[in-house]
Amino acid sequence: IGKPKPKWRLSEEFAGEGQPAALFGEQALEHPKLRVTNPMEHSQIEDMADMTEIWQHVFRDRLETSPEDQALLMTEPPFNPRPVREKMGEALFETLGVPHLQLAVASLLALYGEGRTSGLVVDVG
């Protein structure tokens, strides 16, 4: 996620109407006047506000749908701490208005995808 550096925050380039408050992905990397950050570190969400902005961008600009109309299945890393899980749920329910949420570990979903409830999943990477 790329946001204007403090000295550029009030510049006309970023103050115009219809101008996004942040840029995402390649757009953020290409712009020299942005401070680019990653809200995740080692598969853990470190900045929930930035992560919420990314989720809003995905629903609004990429999927072109409203999160209030969609149930959401989201993967999480194994042994994800409960406070992080609760913050994710809070952000998704209260900020985005997601009506239903299921958090699951990717390896478990891989088993379910194969029609199994037990098995061995090797996750490399």
Protein backbone atom coordinates (compact mmCIF):
# COMPACT_ATOMS: atom_id res chain seq x y z
CA ILE A 1 0.00 0.00 0.00
CA GLY A 2 1.37 3.41 -0.92
CA LYS A 3 0.38 6.62 0.84
CA PRO A 4 1.68 10.16 0.30
CA LYS A 5 4.77 11.06 2.28
CA PRO A 6 4.00 13.66 5.00
CA LYS A 7 5.38 16.63 3.04
CA TRP A 8 3.20 15.71 0.03
CA ARG A 9 0.04 15.06 2.01
CA LEU A 10 -1.54 18.45 1.20
CA SER A 11 -0.13 18.88 -2.29
CA GLU A 12 -2.55 19.51 -5.15
CA GLU A 13 -1.50 16.22 -6.71
CA PHE A 14 -3.09 14.27 -3.85
CA ALA A 15 -5.72 16.76 -2.69
CA GLY A 16 -7.85 16.66 -5.84
CA GLU A 17 -11.38 15.33 -5.71
CA GLY A 18 -11.70 11.73 -6.80
CA GLN A 19 -8.03 11.14 -6.01
CA PRO A 20 -7.49 7.96 -3.96
CA ALA A 21 -6.06 8.30 -0.46
CA ALA A 22 -3.72 5.39 -1.21
CA LEU A 23 -2.46 3.43 -4.20
CA PHE A 24 -2.03 -0.32 -4.28
CA GLY A 25 0.31 -2.82 -5.92
CA GLU A 26 2.24 -1.76 -9.01
CA GLN A 27 0.70 1.74 -8.98
CA ALA A 28 2.16 2.36 -5.52
CA LEU A 29 5.61 1.06 -6.52
CA GLU A 30 5.76 3.25 -9.63
CA HIS A 31 5.03 6.51 -7.82
CA PRO A 32 8.15 8.17 -6.30
CA LYS A 33 6.28 10.42 -3.87
CA LEU A 34 4.64 7.61 -1.94
CA ARG A 35 5.71 5.86 1.23
CA VAL A 36 5.17 2.18 0.40
CA THR A 37 4.49 -0.21 3.28
CA ASN A 38 3.34 -3.78 3.70
CA PRO A 39 0.73 -4.38 6.40
CA MET A 40 1.84 -8.01 6.77
CA GLU A 41 5.03 -9.48 8.15
CA HIS A 42 5.80 -13.20 8.41
CA SER A 43 2.18 -14.06 7.49
CA GLN A 44 0.86 -11.93 10.36
CA ILE A 45 -1.10 -8.71 10.01
CA GLU A 46 0.92 -5.92 11.63
CA ASP A 47 -1.13 -2.88 10.53
CA MET A 48 -4.87 -3.60 10.64
CA ALA A 49 -5.85 -0.13 9.31
CA ASP A 50 -3.78 -0.62 6.13
CA MET A 51 -5.03 -4.19 5.76
CA THR A 52 -8.62 -2.94 5.98
CA GLU A 53 -7.86 -0.43 3.21
CA ILE A 54 -6.54 -3.27 1.05
CA TRP A 55 -9.68 -5.33 1.66
CA GLN A 56 -11.84 -2.32 0.76
CA HIS A 57 -9.80 -1.83 -2.43
CA VAL A 58 -10.19 -5.50 -3.37
CA PHE A 59 -13.96 -5.49 -2.93
CA ARG A 60 -14.60 -2.04 -4.45
CA ASP A 61 -12.06 -1.82 -7.28
CA ARG A 62 -11.02 -5.38 -8.13
CA LEU A 63 -14.12 -7.48 -7.49
CA GLU A 64 -16.53 -4.57 -8.12
CA THR A 65 -18.94 -5.81 -5.49
CA SER A 66 -20.13 -4.77 -2.09
CA PRO A 67 -18.76 -6.71 0.90
CA GLU A 68 -22.20 -6.44 2.54
CA ASP A 69 -23.57 -8.78 -0.14
CA GLN A 70 -20.95 -11.52 0.21
CA ALA A 71 -20.12 -14.26 2.65
CA LEU A 72 -16.35 -14.46 3.03
CA LEU A 73 -14.08 -17.50 3.36
CA MET A 74 -10.58 -16.37 4.32
CA THR A 75 -7.45 -18.38 4.96
CA GLU A 76 -5.24 -17.71 7.94
CA PRO A 77 -1.80 -19.00 8.92
CA PRO A 78 -1.53 -22.00 11.24
CA PHE A 79 -1.42 -21.04 14.93
CA ASN A 80 -2.74 -17.55 14.19
CA PRO A 81 -3.04 -15.81 17.59
CA ARG A 82 -6.57 -15.30 18.86
CA PRO A 83 -6.20 -11.48 19.24
CA VAL A 84 -5.21 -11.18 15.56
CA ARG A 85 -8.16 -13.34 14.55
CA GLU A 86 -10.49 -11.17 16.64
CA LYS A 87 -9.12 -7.96 15.08
CA MET A 88 -9.65 -9.44 11.61
CA GLY A 89 -13.23 -10.34 12.45
CA GLU A 90 -13.86 -6.91 13.95
CA ALA A 91 -12.50 -5.14 10.88
CA LEU A 92 -14.41 -7.35 8.45
CA PHE A 93 -17.72 -7.25 10.31
CA GLU A 94 -17.73 -3.66 11.55
CA THR A 95 -15.78 -1.74 8.91
CA LEU A 96 -16.62 -3.68 5.75
CA GLY A 97 -19.98 -5.05 6.88
CA VAL A 98 -19.35 -8.64 5.82
CA PRO A 99 -22.45 -10.66 6.86
CA HIS A 100 -20.73 -14.06 7.26
CA LEU A 101 -17.09 -14.96 7.86
CA GLN A 102 -15.25 -18.27 7.99
CA LEU A 103 -11.54 -18.34 8.86
CA ALA A 104 -9.69 -21.55 8.05
CA VAL A 105 -6.15 -22.81 7.60
CA ALA A 106 -5.27 -23.33 3.91
CA SER A 107 -4.12 -26.93 4.40
CA LEU A 108 -7.49 -27.84 5.94
CA LEU A 109 -9.28 -26.30 2.97
CA ALA A 110 -7.04 -28.34 0.64
CA LEU A 111 -8.25 -31.52 2.36
CA TYR A 112 -11.88 -30.43 2.13
CA GLY A 113 -11.35 -29.66 -1.57
CA GLU A 114 -10.34 -33.27 -2.08
CA GLY A 115 -13.41 -34.48 -0.21
CA ARG A 116 -11.45 -35.63 2.85
CA THR A 117 -11.62 -34.69 6.51
CA SER A 118 -8.25 -36.17 7.49
CA GLY A 119 -4.95 -36.59 5.73
CA LEU A 120 -1.44 -35.28 5.33
CA VAL A 121 -0.81 -31.96 3.61
CA VAL A 122 2.76 -30.88 2.85
CA ASP A 123 3.00 -27.10 2.68
CA VAL A 124 6.32 -25.93 1.26
CA GLY A 125 7.02 -22.20 1.24
